[in-house]
PDB file of N, CA and C in Angstrom:
ATOM      1  N   MET A   1       0.723  -1.286  -0.394  1.00  0.00           N
ATOM      2  CA  MET A   1      -0.045   0.217   0.126  1.00  0.00           C
ATOM      3  C   MET A   1       0.863   1.326  -0.040  1.00  0.00           C
ATOM      4  N   GLU A   2       0.611   2.006  -0.835  1.00  0.00           N
ATOM      5  CA  GLU A   2       1.771   3.402  -1.121  1.00  0.00           C
ATOM      6  C   GLU A   2       1.209   4.387   0.318  1.00  0.00           C
ATOM      7  N   GLU A   3       2.101   4.870   1.027  1.00  0.00           N
ATOM      8  CA  GLU A   3       2.170   5.699   1.987  1.00  0.00           C
ATOM      9  C   GLU A   3       1.555   7.073   1.678  1.00  0.00           C
ATOM     10  N   THR A   4       0.501   7.654   2.507  1.00  0.00           N
ATOM     11  CA  THR A   4      -0.318   8.594   1.993  1.00  0.00           C
ATOM     12  C   THR A   4       0.168   9.708   3.130  1.00  0.00           C
ATOM     13  N   ARG A   5       0.076  10.777   2.834  1.00  0.00           N
ATOM     14  CA  ARG A   5      -0.116  12.176   3.419  1.00  0.00           C
ATOM     15  C   ARG A   5      -1.280  13.037   3.880  1.00  0.00           C
ATOM     16  N   VAL A   6      -1.524  13.831   5.165  1.00  0.00           N
ATOM     17  CA  VAL A   6      -2.579  14.443   5.722  1.00  0.00           C
ATOM     18  C   VAL A   6      -1.977  15.427   5.233  1.00  0.00           C
ATOM     19  N   ALA A   7      -3.116  16.496   4.293  1.00  0.00           N
ATOM     20  CA  ALA A   7      -2.736  17.875   4.342  1.00  0.00           C
ATOM     21  C   ALA A   7      -3.998  18.785   3.931  1.00  0.00           C
ATOM     22  N   ILE A   8      -3.898  19.937   4.186  1.00  0.00           N
ATOM     23  CA  ILE A   8      -4.868  21.177   3.978  1.00  0.00           C
ATOM     24  C   ILE A   8      -4.654  21.627   2.474  1.00  0.00           C
ATOM     25  N   LEU A   9      -5.624  21.798   1.771  1.00  0.00           N
ATOM     26  CA  LEU A   9      -5.710  22.338   0.559  1.00  0.00           C
ATOM     27  C   LEU A   9      -6.232  23.905   0.583  1.00  0.00           C
ATOM     28  N   ALA A  10      -5.460  24.870   0.984  1.00  0.00           N
ATOM     29  CA  ALA A  10      -6.260  26.111   0.809  1.00  0.00           C
ATOM     30  C   ALA A  10      -6.355  26.733  -0.280  1.00  0.00           C
ATOM     31  N   VAL A  11      -7.591  27.057  -0.772  1.00  0.00           N
ATOM     32  CA  VAL A  11      -7.782  27.861  -2.038  1.00  0.00           C
ATOM     33  C   VAL A  11      -8.723  28.800  -1.900  1.00  0.00           C
ATOM     34  N   VAL A  12      -8.340  30.238  -2.672  1.00  0.00           N
ATOM     35  CA  VAL A  12      -8.846  31.454  -2.700  1.00  0.00           C
ATOM     36  C   VAL A  12      -9.700  31.403  -4.267  1.00  0.00           C
ATOM     37  N   VAL A  13     -10.833  31.705  -4.014  1.00  0.00           N
ATOM     38  CA  VAL A  13     -11.698  31.694  -5.304  1.00  0.00           C
ATOM     39  C   VAL A  13     -11.732  33.398  -5.795  1.00  0.00           C
ATOM     40  N   GLU A  14     -11.298  34.103  -6.428  1.00  0.00           N
ATOM     41  CA  GLU A  14     -11.453  35.524  -6.765  1.00  0.00           C
ATOM     42  C   GLU A  14     -12.493  35.530  -7.895  1.00  0.00           C
ATOM     43  N   ASP A  15     -12.693  34.375  -8.969  1.00  0.00           N
ATOM     44  CA  ASP A  15     -13.538  34.285 -10.098  1.00  0.00           C
ATOM     45  C   ASP A  15     -14.598  33.371  -9.669  1.00  0.00           C
ATOM     46  N   ARG A  16     -15.835  33.710  -9.437  1.00  0.00           N
ATOM     47  CA  ARG A  16     -16.558  32.535  -8.753  1.00  0.00           C
ATOM     48  C   ARG A  16     -17.220  31.920 -10.011  1.00  0.00           C
ATOM     49  N   ASP A  17     -17.123  32.269 -11.150  1.00  0.00           N
ATOM     50  CA  ASP A  17     -17.567  31.638 -12.362  1.00  0.00           C
ATOM     51  C   ASP A  17     -16.571  30.488 -12.772  1.00  0.00           C
ATOM     52  N   LYS A  18     -15.457  30.163 -11.970  1.00  0.00           N
ATOM     53  CA  LYS A  18     -14.522  29.074 -12.377  1.00  0.00           C
ATOM     54  C   LYS A  18     -14.944  28.141 -11.419  1.00  0.00           C
ATOM     55  N   VAL A  19     -16.193  28.377 -10.483  1.00  0.00           N
ATOM     56  CA  VAL A  19     -16.284  27.132  -9.607  1.00  0.00           C
ATOM     57  C   VAL A  19     -16.543  25.983 -10.061  1.00  0.00           C
ATOM     58  N   PRO A  20     -17.717  26.090 -11.240  1.00  0.00           N
ATOM     59  CA  PRO A  20     -17.613  24.742 -11.626  1.00  0.00           C
ATOM     60  C   PRO A  20     -16.414  23.934 -12.277  1.00  0.00           C
ATOM     61  N   GLU A  21     -15.294  24.536 -12.780  1.00  0.00           N
ATOM     62  CA  GLU A  21     -14.575  23.953 -13.074  1.00  0.00           C
ATOM     63  C   GLU A  21     -13.600  23.274 -11.753  1.00  0.00           C
ATOM     64  N   LEU A  22     -13.424  24.095 -10.677  1.00  0.00           N
ATOM     65  CA  LEU A  22     -13.162  23.747  -9.453  1.00  0.00           C
ATOM     66  C   LEU A  22     -13.995  22.352  -9.047  1.00  0.00           C
ATOM     67  N   ASN A  23     -14.901  22.451  -8.725  1.00  0.00           N
ATOM     68  CA  ASN A  23     -15.998  21.217  -8.422  1.00  0.00           C
ATOM     69  C   ASN A  23     -15.721  20.158  -9.108  1.00  0.00           C
ATOM     70  N   LYS A  24     -15.387  20.320 -10.295  1.00  0.00           N
ATOM     71  CA  LYS A  24     -14.949  18.975 -11.308  1.00  0.00           C
ATOM     72  C   LYS A  24     -14.051  18.639 -10.972  1.00  0.00           C
ATOM     73  N   LEU A  25     -12.800  19.200 -10.390  1.00  0.00           N
ATOM     74  CA  LEU A  25     -11.754  18.481 -10.393  1.00  0.00           C
ATOM     75  C   LEU A  25     -11.974  17.917  -8.641  1.00  0.00           C
ATOM     76  N   LEU A  26     -12.419  18.574  -8.080  1.00  0.00           N
ATOM     77  CA  LEU A  26     -12.577  18.199  -6.591  1.00  0.00           C
ATOM     78  C   LEU A  26     -13.305  16.880  -6.730  1.00  0.00           C
ATOM     79  N   THR A  27     -14.113  16.791  -7.432  1.00  0.00           N
ATOM     80  CA  THR A  27     -14.891  15.460  -7.657  1.00  0.00           C
ATOM     81  C   THR A  27     -14.019  14.434  -8.370  1.00  0.00           C
ATOM     82  N   GLU A  28     -13.401  14.659  -9.157  1.00  0.00           N
ATOM     83  CA  GLU A  28     -12.069  13.811  -9.685  1.00  0.00           C
ATOM     84  C   GLU A  28     -11.244  13.241  -8.609  1.00  0.00           C
ATOM     85  N   PHE A  29     -10.914  13.933  -7.427  1.00  0.00           N
ATOM     86  CA  PHE A  29     -10.029  13.740  -6.455  1.00  0.00           C
ATOM     87  C   PHE A  29     -10.709  13.039  -5.199  1.00  0.00           C
ATOM     88  N   GLY A  30     -12.067  13.072  -5.447  1.00  0.00           N
ATOM     89  CA  GLY A  30     -12.705  12.875  -4.101  1.00  0.00           C
ATOM     90  C   GLY A  30     -12.501  11.803  -3.328  1.00  0.00           C
ATOM     91  N   GLU A  31     -11.836  10.706  -3.851  1.00  0.00           N
ATOM     92  CA  GLU A  31     -11.692   9.626  -2.645  1.00  0.00           C
ATOM     93  C   GLU A  31     -10.237   9.976  -1.884  1.00  0.00           C
ATOM     94  N   TYR A  32      -9.887  11.034  -2.191  1.00  0.00           N
ATOM     95  CA  TYR A  32      -8.539  11.791  -1.108  1.00  0.00           C
ATOM     96  C   TYR A  32      -9.279  12.449  -0.567  1.00  0.00           C
ATOM     97  N   ILE A  33     -10.661  12.993  -0.462  1.00  0.00           N
ATOM     98  CA  ILE A  33     -10.852  14.205   0.235  1.00  0.00           C
ATOM     99  C   ILE A  33     -11.464  13.740   1.614  1.00  0.00           C
ATOM    100  N   ILE A  34     -11.102  14.203   2.649  1.00  0.00           N
ATOM    101  CA  ILE A  34     -11.549  13.966   3.745  1.00  0.00           C
ATOM    102  C   ILE A  34     -12.780  14.873   4.286  1.00  0.00           C
ATOM    103  N   GLY A  35     -12.810  16.169   3.910  1.00  0.00           N
ATOM    104  CA  GLY A  35     -13.840  16.991   4.068  1.00  0.00           C
ATOM    105  C   GLY A  35     -13.336  18.375   3.573  1.00  0.00           C
ATOM    106  N   ARG A  36     -14.141  19.298   3.230  1.00  0.00           N
ATOM    107  CA  ARG A  36     -14.086  20.671   3.042  1.00  0.00           C
ATOM    108  C   ARG A  36     -15.017  21.594   3.356  1.00  0.00           C
ATOM    109  N   MET A  37     -14.544  22.876   3.758  1.00  0.00           N
ATOM    110  CA  MET A  37     -15.255  24.166   4.423  1.00  0.00           C
ATOM    111  C   MET A  37     -15.346  25.058   3.213  1.00  0.00           C
ATOM    112  N   GLY A  38     -16.336  25.647   2.914  1.00  0.00           N
ATOM    113  CA  GLY A  38     -16.373  26.974   2.282  1.00  0.00           C
ATOM    114  C   GLY A  38     -16.852  28.143   2.603  1.00  0.00           C
ATOM    115  N   LEU A  39     -16.299  29.260   2.644  1.00  0.00           N
ATOM    116  CA  LEU A  39     -16.799  30.417   3.188  1.00  0.00           C
ATOM    117  C   LEU A  39     -16.519  31.578   2.121  1.00  0.00           C
ATOM    118  N   PRO A  40     -17.914  31.867   1.603  1.00  0.00           N
ATOM    119  CA  PRO A  40     -17.966  33.147   0.874  1.00  0.00           C
ATOM    120  C   PRO A  40     -17.657  34.344   1.748  1.00  0.00           C
ATOM    121  N   TYR A  41     -16.984  35.410   1.252  1.00  0.00           N
ATOM    122  CA  TYR A  41     -16.694  36.636   1.853  1.00  0.00           C
ATOM    123  C   TYR A  41     -17.094  37.876   0.949  1.00  0.00           C
ATOM    124  N   ASP A  42     -18.383  37.988   1.179  1.00  0.00           N
ATOM    125  CA  ASP A  42     -18.828  38.936   0.312  1.00  0.00           C
ATOM    126  C   ASP A  42     -18.276  40.321  -0.014  1.00  0.00           C
ATOM    127  N   LYS A  43     -17.766  40.784   1.327  1.00  0.00           N
ATOM    128  CA  LYS A  43     -17.116  42.111   1.530  1.00  0.00           C
ATOM    129  C   LYS A  43     -16.024  42.404   0.479  1.00  0.00           C
ATOM    130  N   LYS A  44     -15.569  41.272   0.168  1.00  0.00           N
ATOM    131  CA  LYS A  44     -14.268  41.049  -0.905  1.00  0.00           C
ATOM    132  C   LYS A  44     -14.542  40.529  -2.267  1.00  0.00           C
ATOM    133  N   ASN A  45     -15.791  39.923  -2.295  1.00  0.00           N
ATOM    134  CA  ASN A  45     -16.236  39.192  -3.663  1.00  0.00           C
ATOM    135  C   ASN A  45     -15.402  37.952  -3.645  1.00  0.00           C
ATOM    136  N   ILE A  46     -14.771  37.386  -2.713  1.00  0.00           N
ATOM    137  CA  ILE A  46     -13.865  35.958  -2.791  1.00  0.00           C
ATOM    138  C   ILE A  46     -14.920  34.729  -2.061  1.00  0.00           C
ATOM    139  N   SER A  47     -14.155  33.692  -2.266  1.00  0.00           N
ATOM    140  CA  SER A  47     -14.354  32.661  -1.499  1.00  0.00           C
ATOM    141  C   SER A  47     -13.437  31.739  -0.981  1.00  0.00           C
ATOM    142  N   LEU A  48     -13.460  31.433   0.304  1.00  0.00           N
ATOM    143  CA  LEU A  48     -12.223  30.731   0.962  1.00  0.00           C
ATOM    144  C   LEU A  48     -12.462  29.635   0.943  1.00  0.00           C
ATOM    145  N   ILE A  49     -11.647  28.537   0.733  1.00  0.00           N
ATOM    146  CA  ILE A  49     -12.277  27.038   0.825  1.00  0.00           C
ATOM    147  C   ILE A  49     -11.068  26.294   1.377  1.00  0.00           C
ATOM    148  N   SER A  50     -10.947  25.359   2.520  1.00  0.00           N
ATOM    149  CA  SER A  50     -10.150  24.458   2.968  1.00  0.00           C
ATOM    150  C   SER A  50     -10.479  23.315   2.686  1.00  0.00           C
ATOM    151  N   ILE A  51      -9.854  22.497   2.080  1.00  0.00           N
ATOM    152  CA  ILE A  51      -9.983  21.019   1.673  1.00  0.00           C
ATOM    153  C   ILE A  51      -8.966  20.184   2.380  1.00  0.00           C
ATOM    154  N   ALA A  52      -9.426  19.435   3.630  1.00  0.00           N
ATOM    155  CA  ALA A  52      -8.755  18.440   4.024  1.00  0.00           C
ATOM    156  C   ALA A  52      -8.629  16.971   3.195  1.00  0.00           C
ATOM    157  N   LEU A  53      -7.299  16.514   2.832  1.00  0.00           N
ATOM    158  CA  LEU A  53      -6.726  15.594   2.116  1.00  0.00           C
ATOM    159  C   LEU A  53      -6.225  14.383   2.980  1.00  0.00           C
ATOM    160  N   ASP A  54      -6.104  13.292   2.221  1.00  0.00           N
ATOM    161  CA  ASP A  54      -5.417  12.089   3.009  1.00  0.00           C
ATOM    162  C   ASP A  54      -4.982  11.237   1.783  1.00  0.00           C
ATOM    163  N   GLY A  55      -3.870  11.238   1.212  1.00  0.00           N
ATOM    164  CA  GLY A  55      -3.648  10.824  -0.158  1.00  0.00           C
ATOM    165  C   GLY A  55      -1.826  10.536  -0.456  1.00  0.00           C
ATOM    166  N   PRO A  56      -1.330   9.905  -1.422  1.00  0.00           N
ATOM    167  CA  PRO A  56      -0.073  10.080  -1.752  1.00  0.00           C
ATOM    168  C   PRO A  56       0.353  11.593  -2.018  1.00  0.00           C
ATOM    169  N   ALA A  57       1.478  11.944  -1.861  1.00  0.00           N
ATOM    170  CA  ALA A  57       2.076  13.437  -2.045  1.00  0.00           C
ATOM    171  C   ALA A  57       1.948  13.801  -3.223  1.00  0.00           C
ATOM    172  N   ASP A  58       2.234  12.679  -4.454  1.00  0.00           N
ATOM    173  CA  ASP A  58       2.148  13.190  -5.917  1.00  0.00           C
ATOM    174  C   ASP A  58       0.680  13.535  -6.098  1.00  0.00           C
ATOM    175  N   VAL A  59      -0.328  12.550  -5.569  1.00  0.00           N
ATOM    176  CA  VAL A  59      -1.567  13.091  -5.872  1.00  0.00           C
ATOM    177  C   VAL A  59      -2.072  14.404  -5.657  1.00  0.00           C
ATOM    178  N   ILE A  60      -1.771  14.906  -3.926  1.00  0.00           N
ATOM    179  CA  ILE A  60      -2.021  16.109  -3.621  1.00  0.00           C
ATOM    180  C   ILE A  60      -1.301  16.878  -4.239  1.00  0.00           C
ATOM    181  N   ASN A  61      -0.059  17.026  -4.426  1.00  0.00           N
ATOM    182  CA  ASN A  61       0.506  17.807  -5.760  1.00  0.00           C
ATOM    183  C   ASN A  61      -0.239  17.919  -6.906  1.00  0.00           C
ATOM    184  N   SER A  62      -0.472  17.167  -7.373  1.00  0.00           N
ATOM    185  CA  SER A  62      -1.427  16.943  -8.611  1.00  0.00           C
ATOM    186  C   SER A  62      -2.541  18.010  -8.780  1.00  0.00           C
ATOM    187  N   LEU A  63      -3.359  17.727  -7.533  1.00  0.00           N
ATOM    188  CA  LEU A  63      -4.457  18.549  -7.225  1.00  0.00           C
ATOM    189  C   LEU A  63      -4.615  19.902  -7.106  1.00  0.00           C
ATOM    190  N   SER A  64      -3.012  20.267  -6.258  1.00  0.00           N
ATOM    191  CA  SER A  64      -2.700  21.629  -6.064  1.00  0.00           C
ATOM    192  C   SER A  64      -2.332  22.189  -7.330  1.00  0.00           C
ATOM    193  N   GLY A  65      -1.662  21.479  -7.949  1.00  0.00           N
ATOM    194  CA  GLY A  65      -1.237  22.318  -9.072  1.00  0.00           C
ATOM    195  C   GLY A  65      -2.369  22.608 -10.497  1.00  0.00           C
ATOM    196  N   LYS A  66      -3.332  21.638 -10.603  1.00  0.00           N
ATOM    197  CA  LYS A  66      -4.177  21.837 -11.352  1.00  0.00           C
ATOM    198  C   LYS A  66      -5.629  22.775 -10.938  1.00  0.00           C
ATOM    199  N   VAL A  67      -5.707  22.826  -9.289  1.00  0.00           N
ATOM    200  CA  VAL A  67      -6.512  23.929  -8.889  1.00  0.00           C
ATOM    201  C   VAL A  67      -6.203  25.365  -9.188  1.00  0.00           C
ATOM    202  N   GLY A  68      -4.548  25.587  -9.073  1.00  0.00           N
ATOM    203  CA  GLY A  68      -4.009  26.679  -8.949  1.00  0.00           C
ATOM    204  C   GLY A  68      -3.671  27.131 -10.226  1.00  0.00           C
ATOM    205  N   SER A  69      -4.016  26.203 -11.469  1.00  0.00           N
ATOM    206  CA  SER A  69      -3.644  26.743 -12.691  1.00  0.00           C
ATOM    207  C   SER A  69      -5.039  27.128 -13.255  1.00  0.00           C
ATOM    208  N   ILE A  70      -6.102  27.126 -12.575  1.00  0.00           N
ATOM    209  CA  ILE A  70      -7.363  27.603 -13.094  1.00  0.00           C
ATOM    210  C   ILE A  70      -7.127  29.243 -13.084  1.00  0.00           C
ATOM    211  N   GLU A  71      -7.371  29.984 -13.970  1.00  0.00           N
ATOM    212  CA  GLU A  71      -7.709  31.607 -13.859  1.00  0.00           C
ATOM    213  C   GLU A  71      -8.541  31.684 -12.731  1.00  0.00           C
ATOM    214  N   GLY A  72      -7.998  32.895 -11.951  1.00  0.00           N
ATOM    215  CA  GLY A  72      -8.763  33.456 -10.886  1.00  0.00           C
ATOM    216  C   GLY A  72      -9.124  32.558  -9.625  1.00  0.00           C
ATOM    217  N   ILE A  73      -8.341  31.785  -9.663  1.00  0.00           N
ATOM    218  CA  ILE A  73      -7.817  30.814  -8.304  1.00  0.00           C
ATOM    219  C   ILE A  73      -6.678  30.489  -8.210  1.00  0.00           C
ATOM    220  N   THR A  74      -6.246  30.639  -6.571  1.00  0.00           N
ATOM    221  CA  THR A  74      -5.082  30.279  -5.950  1.00  0.00           C
ATOM    222  C   THR A  74      -5.363  29.392  -5.297  1.00  0.00           C
ATOM    223  N   ALA A  75      -4.116  28.614  -5.002  1.00  0.00           N
ATOM    224  CA  ALA A  75      -4.068  27.018  -4.276  1.00  0.00           C
ATOM    225  C   ALA A  75      -2.741  26.997  -3.532  1.00  0.00           C
ATOM    226  N   LYS A  76      -2.787  26.390  -2.552  1.00  0.00           N
ATOM    227  CA  LYS A  76      -1.606  26.191  -1.749  1.00  0.00           C
ATOM    228  C   LYS A  76      -1.858  24.790  -0.569  1.00  0.00           C
ATOM    229  N   ALA A  77      -1.133  23.997  -0.910  1.00  0.00           N
ATOM    230  CA  ALA A  77      -1.320  22.628  -0.186  1.00  0.00           C
ATOM    231  C   ALA A  77      -0.287  22.933   1.140  1.00  0.00           C
ATOM    232  N   ILE A  78      -0.520  22.485   2.293  1.00  0.00           N
ATOM    233  CA  ILE A  78       0.365  22.494   3.635  1.00  0.00           C
ATOM    234  C   ILE A  78       0.004  20.914   3.944  1.00  0.00           C
ATOM    235  N   TYR A  79       1.300  20.506   4.232  1.00  0.00           N
ATOM    236  CA  TYR A  79       1.381  18.803   4.756  1.00  0.00           C
ATOM    237  C   TYR A  79       1.648  18.958   6.315  1.00  0.00           C
ATOM    238  N   SER A  80       0.996  17.788   6.812  1.00  0.00           N
ATOM    239  CA  SER A  80       1.297  17.392   8.043  1.00  0.00           C
ATOM    240  C   SER A  80       2.568  16.765   8.248  1.00  0.00           C
ATOM    241  N   LYS A  81       3.195  16.534   9.501  1.00  0.00           N
ATOM    242  CA  LYS A  81       4.381  15.887   9.474  1.00  0.00           C
ATOM    243  C   LYS A  81       4.204  14.228   9.478  1.00  0.00           C
ATOM    244  N   VAL A  82       2.573  13.873   9.727  1.00  0.00           N
ATOM    245  CA  VAL A  82       2.203  12.732   9.968  1.00  0.00           C
ATOM    246  C   VAL A  82       2.362  11.886   8.721  1.00  0.00           C
TER     247      VAL A  82
END
């Protein structure tokens, strides 16, 4: 069995029209998602999303890169030491 890592993917959505593209990616990687929380921040017209993950580091990196490559969305993965 491949070793997995626990991580949080922090996502800032500045272009809400890109959310369907983001959700499609999250569905593709759904087996690695522990849970997610999204907060709309209307004052700045953005959304903040945290996604808890447990998966191989290369899978988490792939998701982070794909999400971050969507114009109007920024993503950063933070790994636990576990």
